């Protein structure tokens, strides 16, 4: 009976293949994968102040760069399917498309507590309604570079503390539509009643 050289060759090739795979598996087991991956870690020795140097976080579709100022955390929001850039864009110091620009920005201020618009650009009008510590519902608007209105709805009736948004000016309190006390302090501290609506208006 003649030997089947074709079959023998296949057996030899299969044996060689199994040997190579087993050696690769042994080599992989010997590699410290944690060490290899950590070589690409970003090591921040101190907070960064420029957006380009921000810490990247995200899920592959939506992400953010995180950086700081002396008083706040700053976030630039990006998405892979949004290209927020045109001739008027000024998201970064240089107008280019390397970063695809930002679709949104978030500033969280940690120092100027009680300040209604601590970092808001003076040329932008805005208004907000926000439930704050102490169960106070704050409604305020910003117009022509200054605070235009301030309303506080006390849902629990506790003491309220808020920075005077019209620094150096005397303000008048209207409680449930009726004129009440006036104050000239930079930090306004006052008692409230449950479900009391307080409007604070500057005295010109």
N, C-alpha and C. Protein backbone atom coordinates (compact mmCIF):
# COMPACT_ATOMS: atom_id res chain seq x y z
N UNK A 1 0.85 -1.19 0.00
CA UNK A 1 0.00 0.00 0.00
C UNK A 1 0.88 1.23 0.00
N UNK A 2 0.62 2.12 -0.96
CA UNK A 2 1.43 3.33 -1.06
C UNK A 2 1.02 4.37 -0.01
N UNK A 3 2.00 5.04 0.58
CA UNK A 3 1.66 6.08 1.59
C UNK A 3 0.95 7.25 0.93
N UNK A 4 0.03 7.84 1.67
CA UNK A 4 -0.72 9.02 1.19
C UNK A 4 0.07 10.26 1.58
N UNK A 5 0.95 10.70 0.65
CA UNK A 5 1.79 11.85 0.96
C UNK A 5 0.96 13.12 1.17
N UNK A 6 -0.15 13.24 0.49
CA UNK A 6 -1.01 14.44 0.64
C UNK A 6 -1.57 14.51 2.05
N UNK A 7 -2.04 13.36 2.54
CA UNK A 7 -2.59 13.31 3.90
C UNK A 7 -1.51 13.60 4.93
N UNK A 8 -0.34 13.02 4.71
CA UNK A 8 0.77 13.24 5.64
C UNK A 8 1.16 14.70 5.69
N UNK A 9 1.17 15.34 4.52
CA UNK A 9 1.51 16.77 4.47
C UNK A 9 0.52 17.62 5.23
N UNK A 10 -0.76 17.26 5.14
CA UNK A 10 -1.79 18.01 5.85
C UNK A 10 -1.63 17.86 7.36
N UNK A 11 -1.29 16.61 7.77
CA UNK A 11 -1.10 16.38 9.20
C UNK A 11 0.08 17.19 9.72
N UNK A 12 1.13 17.25 8.94
CA UNK A 12 2.32 18.01 9.34
C UNK A 12 1.99 19.49 9.45
N UNK A 13 1.28 20.04 8.45
CA UNK A 13 0.90 21.45 8.46
C UNK A 13 0.01 21.78 9.65
N UNK A 14 -0.94 20.87 9.96
CA UNK A 14 -1.83 21.07 11.10
C UNK A 14 -1.05 21.08 12.39
N UNK A 15 -0.07 20.19 12.50
CA UNK A 15 0.75 20.13 13.71
C UNK A 15 1.56 21.41 13.89
N UNK A 16 2.13 21.88 12.78
CA UNK A 16 2.90 23.13 12.84
C UNK A 16 2.01 24.29 13.25
N UNK A 17 0.79 24.35 12.69
CA UNK A 17 -0.16 25.43 13.01
C UNK A 17 -0.52 25.42 14.49
N UNK A 18 -0.81 24.21 15.02
CA UNK A 18 -1.16 24.09 16.44
C UNK A 18 0.01 24.51 17.31
N UNK A 19 1.21 24.15 16.92
CA UNK A 19 2.40 24.53 17.70
C UNK A 19 2.58 26.04 17.73
N UNK A 20 2.42 26.70 16.57
CA UNK A 20 2.58 28.16 16.50
C UNK A 20 1.55 28.86 17.36
N UNK A 21 0.28 28.42 17.27
CA UNK A 21 -0.79 29.03 18.06
C UNK A 21 -0.53 28.87 19.55
N UNK A 22 -0.08 27.68 19.95
CA UNK A 22 0.19 27.43 21.37
C UNK A 22 1.32 28.32 21.88
N UNK A 23 2.35 28.54 21.04
CA UNK A 23 3.46 29.39 21.43
C UNK A 23 3.01 30.84 21.57
N UNK A 24 2.13 31.29 20.66
CA UNK A 24 1.62 32.65 20.74
C UNK A 24 0.78 32.85 22.00
N UNK A 25 -0.01 31.84 22.36
CA UNK A 25 -0.84 31.91 23.57
C UNK A 25 0.03 32.01 24.80
N UNK A 26 1.12 31.22 24.82
CA UNK A 26 2.05 31.26 25.96
C UNK A 26 2.69 32.63 26.06
N UNK A 27 3.06 33.21 24.89
CA UNK A 27 3.71 34.53 24.88
C UNK A 27 2.76 35.60 25.37
N UNK A 28 1.47 35.49 24.97
CA UNK A 28 0.48 36.48 25.41
C UNK A 28 0.25 36.41 26.90
N UNK A 29 0.21 35.19 27.43
CA UNK A 29 0.03 35.02 28.87
C UNK A 29 1.17 35.65 29.65
N UNK A 30 2.35 35.70 29.04
CA UNK A 30 3.52 36.26 29.72
C UNK A 30 3.55 37.78 29.67
N UNK A 31 2.72 38.41 28.78
CA UNK A 31 2.70 39.86 28.64
C UNK A 31 1.83 40.48 29.74
N UNK A 32 2.33 41.52 30.37
CA UNK A 32 1.56 42.27 31.36
C UNK A 32 0.68 43.27 30.61
N UNK A 33 -0.54 42.86 30.27
CA UNK A 33 -1.43 43.71 29.48
C UNK A 33 -1.76 45.02 30.19
N UNK A 34 -1.90 44.98 31.50
CA UNK A 34 -2.20 46.19 32.27
C UNK A 34 -1.09 47.23 32.10
N UNK A 35 0.16 46.73 32.09
CA UNK A 35 1.29 47.62 31.92
C UNK A 35 1.33 48.21 30.51
N UNK A 36 1.03 47.36 29.53
CA UNK A 36 1.04 47.82 28.14
C UNK A 36 -0.02 48.90 27.92
N UNK A 37 -1.24 48.66 28.42
CA UNK A 37 -2.34 49.61 28.23
C UNK A 37 -2.09 50.90 28.99
N UNK A 38 -1.54 50.80 30.19
CA UNK A 38 -1.32 51.99 31.01
C UNK A 38 -0.27 52.92 30.41
N UNK A 39 0.51 52.42 29.45
CA UNK A 39 1.50 53.27 28.79
C UNK A 39 0.84 54.40 28.02
N UNK A 40 -0.44 54.22 27.69
CA UNK A 40 -1.18 55.25 26.96
C UNK A 40 -2.02 56.13 27.88
N UNK A 41 -1.87 55.98 29.19
CA UNK A 41 -2.64 56.80 30.13
C UNK A 41 -2.26 58.27 30.04
N UNK A 42 -3.25 59.14 30.26
CA UNK A 42 -2.99 60.57 30.37
C UNK A 42 -2.74 60.89 31.84
N UNK A 43 -1.59 61.45 32.14
CA UNK A 43 -1.21 61.73 33.52
C UNK A 43 -1.24 63.25 33.74
N UNK A 44 -2.27 63.72 34.44
CA UNK A 44 -2.41 65.16 34.72
C UNK A 44 -1.79 65.47 36.08
N UNK A 45 -0.68 66.18 36.07
CA UNK A 45 -0.01 66.57 37.31
C UNK A 45 -0.70 67.75 37.98
N UNK A 46 -1.45 68.53 37.20
CA UNK A 46 -2.18 69.68 37.72
C UNK A 46 -3.35 69.98 36.79
N UNK A 47 -4.36 70.72 37.26
CA UNK A 47 -5.49 71.07 36.39
C UNK A 47 -5.02 71.88 35.18
N UNK A 48 -5.64 71.65 34.05
CA UNK A 48 -5.28 72.39 32.84
C UNK A 48 -6.26 73.55 32.65
N UNK A 49 -5.75 74.64 32.09
CA UNK A 49 -6.57 75.85 31.94
C UNK A 49 -6.97 76.12 30.49
N UNK A 50 -6.41 75.35 29.55
CA UNK A 50 -6.74 75.54 28.13
C UNK A 50 -7.63 74.39 27.66
N UNK A 51 -8.62 74.73 26.85
CA UNK A 51 -9.56 73.71 26.39
C UNK A 51 -8.87 72.62 25.57
N UNK A 52 -7.86 73.00 24.78
CA UNK A 52 -7.16 72.01 23.94
C UNK A 52 -6.47 70.95 24.78
N UNK A 53 -6.12 71.27 26.01
CA UNK A 53 -5.42 70.33 26.89
C UNK A 53 -6.38 69.58 27.80
N UNK A 54 -7.68 69.79 27.60
CA UNK A 54 -8.68 69.21 28.49
C UNK A 54 -8.68 67.70 28.51
N UNK A 55 -9.18 67.14 29.60
CA UNK A 55 -9.28 65.69 29.75
C UNK A 55 -10.43 65.15 28.90
N UNK A 56 -10.16 64.25 27.97
CA UNK A 56 -11.23 63.72 27.12
C UNK A 56 -12.01 62.62 27.83
N UNK A 57 -13.32 62.73 27.82
CA UNK A 57 -14.20 61.69 28.35
C UNK A 57 -15.33 61.48 27.35
N UNK A 58 -15.86 60.27 27.27
CA UNK A 58 -16.95 60.03 26.35
C UNK A 58 -17.17 58.55 26.10
N UNK A 59 -18.09 58.26 25.18
CA UNK A 59 -18.46 56.88 24.89
C UNK A 59 -18.23 56.49 23.43
N UNK A 60 -17.51 57.32 22.68
CA UNK A 60 -17.26 57.02 21.29
C UNK A 60 -18.19 57.75 20.34
N UNK A 61 -19.37 58.09 20.81
CA UNK A 61 -20.32 58.85 19.99
C UNK A 61 -20.46 60.29 20.50
N UNK A 62 -20.51 60.43 21.81
CA UNK A 62 -20.62 61.76 22.43
C UNK A 62 -19.53 61.89 23.48
N UNK A 63 -18.86 63.02 23.50
CA UNK A 63 -17.76 63.20 24.43
C UNK A 63 -17.60 64.63 24.88
N UNK A 64 -16.63 64.85 25.73
CA UNK A 64 -16.39 66.18 26.27
C UNK A 64 -14.91 66.35 26.57
N UNK A 65 -14.47 67.59 26.50
CA UNK A 65 -13.16 67.97 27.03
C UNK A 65 -13.43 68.69 28.34
N UNK A 66 -12.66 68.35 29.38
CA UNK A 66 -12.85 68.93 30.70
C UNK A 66 -11.60 69.71 31.08
N UNK A 67 -11.77 70.99 31.40
CA UNK A 67 -10.64 71.79 31.87
C UNK A 67 -11.13 72.73 32.97
N UNK A 68 -10.28 73.61 33.44
CA UNK A 68 -10.63 74.41 34.61
C UNK A 68 -10.26 75.87 34.45
N UNK A 69 -10.86 76.69 35.29
CA UNK A 69 -10.40 78.05 35.54
C UNK A 69 -10.13 78.09 37.04
N UNK A 70 -9.64 79.20 37.59
CA UNK A 70 -9.39 79.22 39.04
C UNK A 70 -10.64 78.96 39.88
N UNK A 71 -11.84 79.16 39.33
CA UNK A 71 -13.06 79.03 40.13
C UNK A 71 -14.08 78.05 39.57
N UNK A 72 -13.77 77.37 38.46
CA UNK A 72 -14.84 76.57 37.87
C UNK A 72 -14.31 75.39 37.06
N UNK A 73 -15.21 74.45 36.81
CA UNK A 73 -14.99 73.37 35.86
C UNK A 73 -15.65 73.75 34.55
N UNK A 74 -15.00 73.42 33.43
CA UNK A 74 -15.54 73.77 32.12
C UNK A 74 -15.61 72.52 31.25
N UNK A 75 -16.71 72.40 30.52
CA UNK A 75 -16.94 71.25 29.66
C UNK A 75 -17.29 71.73 28.25
N UNK A 76 -16.69 71.10 27.24
CA UNK A 76 -17.11 71.31 25.86
C UNK A 76 -17.72 70.01 25.37
N UNK A 77 -18.96 70.06 24.91
CA UNK A 77 -19.68 68.87 24.49
C UNK A 77 -19.55 68.69 22.97
N UNK A 78 -19.24 67.48 22.54
CA UNK A 78 -19.10 67.16 21.12
C UNK A 78 -19.88 65.89 20.77
N UNK A 79 -20.32 65.80 19.51
CA UNK A 79 -20.91 64.57 18.99
C UNK A 79 -20.28 64.27 17.63
N UNK A 80 -20.23 62.97 17.30
CA UNK A 80 -19.60 62.59 16.04
C UNK A 80 -20.44 62.99 14.84
N UNK A 81 -21.75 63.18 15.04
CA UNK A 81 -22.63 63.49 13.91
C UNK A 81 -23.00 64.97 13.84
N UNK A 82 -22.32 65.81 14.63
CA UNK A 82 -22.57 67.26 14.60
C UNK A 82 -21.25 67.97 14.34
N UNK A 83 -21.23 68.80 13.34
CA UNK A 83 -20.02 69.58 13.01
C UNK A 83 -20.36 71.05 13.18
N UNK A 84 -20.21 71.55 14.43
CA UNK A 84 -20.63 72.92 14.74
C UNK A 84 -19.55 73.94 14.40
N UNK A 85 -19.38 74.22 13.14
CA UNK A 85 -18.33 75.15 12.75
C UNK A 85 -18.76 75.93 11.50
N UNK A 86 -18.53 77.24 11.53
CA UNK A 86 -18.73 78.05 10.32
C UNK A 86 -17.79 79.24 10.38
N UNK A 87 -17.97 80.21 9.50
CA UNK A 87 -17.02 81.33 9.42
C UNK A 87 -17.03 82.21 10.66
N UNK A 88 -18.10 82.10 11.48
CA UNK A 88 -18.20 82.94 12.68
C UNK A 88 -17.78 82.21 13.96
N UNK A 89 -17.39 80.94 13.85
CA UNK A 89 -17.06 80.16 15.04
C UNK A 89 -15.82 80.71 15.72
N UNK A 90 -15.86 80.78 17.04
CA UNK A 90 -14.69 81.20 17.81
C UNK A 90 -14.55 80.34 19.07
N UNK A 91 -14.82 79.03 18.93
CA UNK A 91 -14.76 78.12 20.06
C UNK A 91 -13.36 78.05 20.66
N UNK A 92 -12.35 78.15 19.80
CA UNK A 92 -10.98 78.07 20.27
C UNK A 92 -10.24 79.36 19.89
N UNK A 93 -9.01 79.45 20.32
CA UNK A 93 -8.22 80.65 20.06
C UNK A 93 -7.96 80.83 18.57
N UNK A 94 -7.86 79.72 17.84
CA UNK A 94 -7.65 79.78 16.40
C UNK A 94 -8.86 79.19 15.69
N UNK A 95 -9.30 79.88 14.65
CA UNK A 95 -10.46 79.39 13.91
C UNK A 95 -10.02 78.34 12.90
N UNK A 96 -10.21 77.10 13.25
CA UNK A 96 -9.90 76.03 12.32
C UNK A 96 -10.87 74.88 12.58
N UNK A 97 -10.74 73.83 11.79
CA UNK A 97 -11.67 72.71 11.91
C UNK A 97 -11.01 71.47 12.53
N UNK A 98 -9.85 71.63 13.13
CA UNK A 98 -9.16 70.48 13.69
C UNK A 98 -9.96 69.82 14.81
N UNK A 99 -10.74 70.61 15.55
CA UNK A 99 -11.45 70.08 16.71
C UNK A 99 -12.93 69.84 16.43
N UNK A 100 -13.40 70.14 15.23
CA UNK A 100 -14.83 70.03 14.88
C UNK A 100 -15.68 70.96 15.75
N UNK A 101 -15.06 71.83 16.48
CA UNK A 101 -15.75 72.81 17.32
C UNK A 101 -16.64 72.11 18.36
N UNK A 102 -17.40 72.90 19.09
CA UNK A 102 -18.23 72.33 20.14
C UNK A 102 -19.70 72.53 19.86
N UNK A 103 -20.52 71.57 20.29
CA UNK A 103 -21.96 71.70 20.13
C UNK A 103 -22.62 72.28 21.38
N UNK A 104 -21.87 72.35 22.47
CA UNK A 104 -22.41 72.93 23.70
C UNK A 104 -21.30 73.13 24.72
N UNK A 105 -21.54 74.06 25.65
CA UNK A 105 -20.55 74.37 26.68
C UNK A 105 -21.24 74.44 28.04
N UNK A 106 -20.55 73.94 29.07
CA UNK A 106 -21.09 73.97 30.43
C UNK A 106 -20.01 74.50 31.36
N UNK A 107 -20.34 75.51 32.16
CA UNK A 107 -19.45 76.03 33.19
C UNK A 107 -20.09 75.78 34.56
N UNK A 108 -19.33 75.18 35.48
CA UNK A 108 -19.79 74.98 36.85
C UNK A 108 -18.91 75.79 37.78
N UNK A 109 -19.47 76.85 38.37
CA UNK A 109 -18.71 77.77 39.20
C UNK A 109 -18.82 77.33 40.66
N UNK A 110 -17.67 77.27 41.36
CA UNK A 110 -17.64 76.78 42.73
C UNK A 110 -17.40 77.88 43.78
N UNK A 111 -17.07 79.08 43.36
CA UNK A 111 -16.70 80.12 44.32
C UNK A 111 -17.82 81.12 44.53
N UNK A 112 -18.36 81.62 43.43
CA UNK A 112 -19.37 82.68 43.55
C UNK A 112 -20.75 82.12 43.86
N UNK A 113 -20.86 81.42 45.00
CA UNK A 113 -22.15 80.86 45.36
C UNK A 113 -23.13 81.99 45.60
N UNK A 114 -24.34 81.80 45.16
CA UNK A 114 -25.34 82.85 45.34
C UNK A 114 -25.32 83.88 44.24
N UNK A 115 -24.29 83.86 43.39
CA UNK A 115 -24.22 84.80 42.28
C UNK A 115 -25.04 84.22 41.13
N UNK A 116 -25.99 85.00 40.62
CA UNK A 116 -26.95 84.47 39.65
C UNK A 116 -26.33 84.16 38.30
N UNK A 117 -25.46 85.04 37.80
CA UNK A 117 -24.84 84.85 36.48
C UNK A 117 -23.34 85.11 36.60
N UNK A 118 -22.59 84.22 37.29
CA UNK A 118 -21.19 84.50 37.60
C UNK A 118 -20.26 84.58 36.39
N UNK A 119 -20.55 83.83 35.33
CA UNK A 119 -19.63 83.80 34.19
C UNK A 119 -20.37 83.98 32.87
N UNK A 120 -21.54 84.59 32.93
CA UNK A 120 -22.35 84.72 31.72
C UNK A 120 -21.86 85.88 30.87
N UNK A 121 -21.69 85.68 29.55
CA UNK A 121 -21.23 86.78 28.68
C UNK A 121 -22.20 87.96 28.72
N UNK A 122 -21.66 89.15 28.87
CA UNK A 122 -22.49 90.35 29.03
C UNK A 122 -23.38 90.68 27.86
N UNK A 123 -23.03 90.18 26.67
CA UNK A 123 -23.81 90.51 25.47
C UNK A 123 -24.98 89.56 25.24
N UNK A 124 -25.08 88.50 26.04
CA UNK A 124 -26.12 87.50 25.83
C UNK A 124 -27.25 87.70 26.85
N UNK A 125 -28.48 87.82 26.38
CA UNK A 125 -29.64 87.84 27.26
C UNK A 125 -29.99 86.40 27.65
N UNK A 126 -30.53 86.23 28.85
CA UNK A 126 -30.85 84.87 29.31
C UNK A 126 -31.86 84.93 30.44
N UNK A 127 -32.47 83.79 30.72
CA UNK A 127 -33.33 83.64 31.90
C UNK A 127 -33.30 82.18 32.33
N UNK A 128 -33.57 81.94 33.61
CA UNK A 128 -33.56 80.57 34.10
C UNK A 128 -34.52 80.42 35.27
N UNK A 129 -34.88 79.18 35.53
CA UNK A 129 -35.65 78.80 36.72
C UNK A 129 -34.95 77.59 37.30
N UNK A 130 -34.58 77.68 38.58
CA UNK A 130 -33.73 76.64 39.18
C UNK A 130 -34.15 76.39 40.62
N UNK A 131 -34.27 75.12 40.97
CA UNK A 131 -34.55 74.73 42.35
C UNK A 131 -33.23 74.66 43.10
N UNK A 132 -33.09 75.49 44.14
CA UNK A 132 -31.81 75.63 44.83
C UNK A 132 -31.87 75.07 46.24
N UNK A 133 -30.71 75.02 46.85
CA UNK A 133 -30.59 74.52 48.22
C UNK A 133 -31.52 75.30 49.15
N UNK A 134 -32.19 74.59 50.05
CA UNK A 134 -33.16 75.22 50.93
C UNK A 134 -34.57 75.15 50.38
N UNK A 135 -34.71 74.46 49.20
CA UNK A 135 -36.01 74.30 48.56
C UNK A 135 -36.58 75.63 48.07
N UNK A 136 -35.68 76.46 47.52
CA UNK A 136 -36.09 77.73 46.93
C UNK A 136 -36.11 77.60 45.41
N UNK A 137 -37.20 78.01 44.80
CA UNK A 137 -37.30 78.02 43.35
C UNK A 137 -36.95 79.44 42.87
N UNK A 138 -35.78 79.56 42.24
CA UNK A 138 -35.26 80.87 41.83
C UNK A 138 -35.56 81.09 40.35
N UNK A 139 -36.15 82.24 40.04
CA UNK A 139 -36.39 82.64 38.65
C UNK A 139 -35.71 83.99 38.43
N UNK A 140 -34.87 84.07 37.41
CA UNK A 140 -34.13 85.32 37.17
C UNK A 140 -33.89 85.51 35.68
N UNK A 141 -33.68 86.76 35.29
CA UNK A 141 -33.38 87.07 33.89
C UNK A 141 -32.20 88.03 33.81
N UNK A 142 -31.51 87.96 32.70
CA UNK A 142 -30.31 88.78 32.45
C UNK A 142 -30.52 89.49 31.12
N UNK A 143 -30.42 90.82 31.11
CA UNK A 143 -30.69 91.59 29.90
C UNK A 143 -29.81 92.83 29.85
N UNK A 144 -29.28 93.10 28.66
CA UNK A 144 -28.43 94.28 28.43
C UNK A 144 -27.26 94.34 29.41
N UNK A 145 -26.66 93.19 29.68
CA UNK A 145 -25.46 93.14 30.50
C UNK A 145 -25.66 93.20 32.00
N UNK A 146 -26.89 93.05 32.48
CA UNK A 146 -27.13 93.09 33.92
C UNK A 146 -28.36 92.27 34.28
N UNK A 147 -28.47 91.94 35.58
CA UNK A 147 -29.62 91.18 36.06
C UNK A 147 -30.86 92.06 35.97
N UNK A 148 -31.90 91.55 35.31
CA UNK A 148 -33.11 92.35 35.10
C UNK A 148 -34.20 92.03 36.11
N UNK A 149 -34.25 90.80 36.60
CA UNK A 149 -35.31 90.43 37.55
C UNK A 149 -34.86 89.29 38.44
N UNK A 150 -35.49 89.19 39.62
CA UNK A 150 -35.19 88.12 40.56
C UNK A 150 -36.44 87.80 41.37
N UNK A 151 -36.86 86.54 41.27
CA UNK A 151 -38.01 86.08 42.05
C UNK A 151 -37.63 84.82 42.80
N UNK A 152 -38.03 84.76 44.07
CA UNK A 152 -37.73 83.60 44.92
C UNK A 152 -39.04 83.05 45.46
N UNK A 153 -39.29 81.77 45.16
CA UNK A 153 -40.48 81.10 45.70
C UNK A 153 -40.02 80.10 46.75
N UNK A 154 -40.41 80.36 48.00
CA UNK A 154 -39.99 79.53 49.12
C UNK A 154 -40.97 78.37 49.29
N UNK A 155 -40.52 77.16 49.02
CA UNK A 155 -41.39 76.00 49.10
C UNK A 155 -41.45 75.37 50.48
N UNK A 156 -40.50 75.79 51.36
CA UNK A 156 -40.45 75.20 52.71
C UNK A 156 -40.53 76.24 53.81
N UNK A 157 -40.22 77.50 53.50
CA UNK A 157 -40.29 78.55 54.51
C UNK A 157 -39.07 78.63 55.40
N UNK A 158 -37.88 78.52 54.82
CA UNK A 158 -36.64 78.59 55.60
C UNK A 158 -35.89 79.89 55.33
N UNK A 159 -34.76 80.07 56.00
CA UNK A 159 -33.95 81.27 55.82
C UNK A 159 -33.26 81.21 54.45
N UNK A 160 -33.20 82.33 53.77
CA UNK A 160 -32.60 82.40 52.44
C UNK A 160 -31.37 83.31 52.48
N UNK A 161 -30.31 82.88 51.78
CA UNK A 161 -29.10 83.68 51.62
C UNK A 161 -28.77 83.76 50.13
N UNK A 162 -28.59 84.98 49.65
CA UNK A 162 -28.25 85.15 48.24
C UNK A 162 -27.47 86.44 48.06
N UNK A 163 -26.48 86.43 47.17
CA UNK A 163 -25.72 87.65 46.90
C UNK A 163 -26.61 88.67 46.22
N UNK A 164 -26.46 89.91 46.61
CA UNK A 164 -27.21 90.99 45.97
C UNK A 164 -26.75 91.10 44.52
N UNK A 165 -27.64 90.81 43.56
CA UNK A 165 -27.21 90.86 42.16
C UNK A 165 -26.94 92.27 41.65
N UNK A 166 -27.36 93.26 42.42
CA UNK A 166 -27.10 94.66 42.07
C UNK A 166 -26.15 95.23 43.12
N UNK A 167 -24.90 94.83 43.03
CA UNK A 167 -23.89 95.17 44.05
C UNK A 167 -23.84 96.67 44.31
N UNK A 168 -23.89 97.01 45.60
CA UNK A 168 -23.81 98.42 45.99
C UNK A 168 -25.13 99.17 45.95
N UNK A 169 -26.19 98.51 45.47
CA UNK A 169 -27.49 99.17 45.38
C UNK A 169 -28.44 98.64 46.45
N UNK A 170 -29.32 99.51 46.88
CA UNK A 170 -30.36 99.12 47.83
C UNK A 170 -31.48 98.43 47.07
N UNK A 171 -32.04 97.39 47.66
CA UNK A 171 -33.11 96.64 47.00
C UNK A 171 -34.36 96.60 47.88
N UNK A 172 -35.50 96.48 47.25
CA UNK A 172 -36.78 96.39 47.96
C UNK A 172 -37.39 95.01 47.75
N UNK A 173 -37.97 94.46 48.82
CA UNK A 173 -38.61 93.15 48.79
C UNK A 173 -40.12 93.32 48.62
N UNK A 174 -40.68 92.56 47.72
CA UNK A 174 -42.13 92.49 47.57
C UNK A 174 -42.55 91.06 47.90
N UNK A 175 -43.31 90.90 48.97
CA UNK A 175 -43.71 89.57 49.44
C UNK A 175 -45.17 89.33 49.05
N UNK A 176 -45.35 88.33 48.19
CA UNK A 176 -46.69 88.02 47.66
C UNK A 176 -47.36 89.26 47.08
N UNK A 177 -46.57 90.07 46.38
CA UNK A 177 -47.10 91.24 45.70
C UNK A 177 -47.18 92.50 46.54
N UNK A 178 -46.88 92.42 47.83
CA UNK A 178 -46.96 93.58 48.72
C UNK A 178 -45.56 94.06 49.11
N UNK A 179 -45.36 95.38 49.03
CA UNK A 179 -44.05 95.95 49.36
C UNK A 179 -43.72 95.68 50.82
N UNK A 180 -42.48 95.24 51.06
CA UNK A 180 -42.04 94.92 52.42
C UNK A 180 -40.76 95.68 52.74
N UNK A 181 -39.76 94.99 53.26
CA UNK A 181 -38.53 95.65 53.71
C UNK A 181 -37.59 95.97 52.58
N UNK A 182 -36.58 96.79 52.89
CA UNK A 182 -35.50 97.13 51.95
C UNK A 182 -34.17 96.79 52.60
N UNK A 183 -33.18 96.41 51.78
CA UNK A 183 -31.86 96.08 52.27
C UNK A 183 -30.80 96.63 51.32
N UNK A 184 -29.60 96.88 51.87
CA UNK A 184 -28.50 97.39 51.05
C UNK A 184 -27.25 96.53 51.19
N UNK A 185 -27.38 95.34 51.78
CA UNK A 185 -26.23 94.47 52.01
C UNK A 185 -25.81 93.76 50.73
N UNK A 186 -24.53 93.43 50.63
CA UNK A 186 -24.06 92.64 49.50
C UNK A 186 -24.53 91.19 49.60
N UNK A 187 -24.63 90.68 50.83
CA UNK A 187 -25.20 89.36 51.05
C UNK A 187 -26.57 89.53 51.69
N UNK A 188 -27.59 89.18 50.96
CA UNK A 188 -28.97 89.32 51.45
C UNK A 188 -29.37 88.09 52.24
N UNK A 189 -29.71 88.29 53.50
CA UNK A 189 -30.15 87.20 54.37
C UNK A 189 -31.53 87.57 54.91
N UNK A 190 -32.52 86.69 54.70
CA UNK A 190 -33.88 87.03 55.12
C UNK A 190 -34.69 85.76 55.36
N UNK A 191 -35.69 85.88 56.22
CA UNK A 191 -36.59 84.77 56.52
C UNK A 191 -37.72 84.72 55.50
N UNK A 192 -38.24 83.53 55.29
CA UNK A 192 -39.35 83.35 54.36
C UNK A 192 -40.43 82.48 55.00
N UNK A 193 -41.62 82.53 54.43
CA UNK A 193 -42.72 81.66 54.85
C UNK A 193 -42.99 80.62 53.76
N UNK A 194 -43.56 79.52 54.15
CA UNK A 194 -43.85 78.46 53.18
C UNK A 194 -44.80 78.98 52.10
N UNK A 195 -44.46 78.68 50.85
CA UNK A 195 -45.23 79.09 49.67
C UNK A 195 -45.29 80.62 49.50
N UNK A 196 -44.27 81.29 50.02
CA UNK A 196 -44.20 82.74 49.86
C UNK A 196 -43.41 83.08 48.59
N UNK A 197 -43.94 84.03 47.83
CA UNK A 197 -43.30 84.47 46.60
C UNK A 197 -42.68 85.85 46.85
N UNK A 198 -41.36 85.96 46.64
CA UNK A 198 -40.63 87.19 46.95
C UNK A 198 -39.97 87.71 45.69
N UNK A 199 -40.28 88.93 45.33
CA UNK A 199 -39.62 89.62 44.22
C UNK A 199 -38.70 90.67 44.81
N UNK A 200 -37.45 90.67 44.32
CA UNK A 200 -36.45 91.64 44.80
C UNK A 200 -36.14 92.59 43.64
N UNK A 201 -36.30 93.89 43.92
CA UNK A 201 -36.17 94.90 42.88
C UNK A 201 -35.18 95.98 43.34
N UNK A 202 -34.23 96.36 42.50
CA UNK A 202 -33.27 97.40 42.88
C UNK A 202 -33.93 98.78 42.93
N UNK A 203 -33.44 99.61 43.84
CA UNK A 203 -33.92 100.99 43.95
C UNK A 203 -32.93 101.87 43.19
N UNK A 204 -33.40 102.49 42.12
CA UNK A 204 -32.53 103.35 41.30
C UNK A 204 -32.35 104.71 41.95
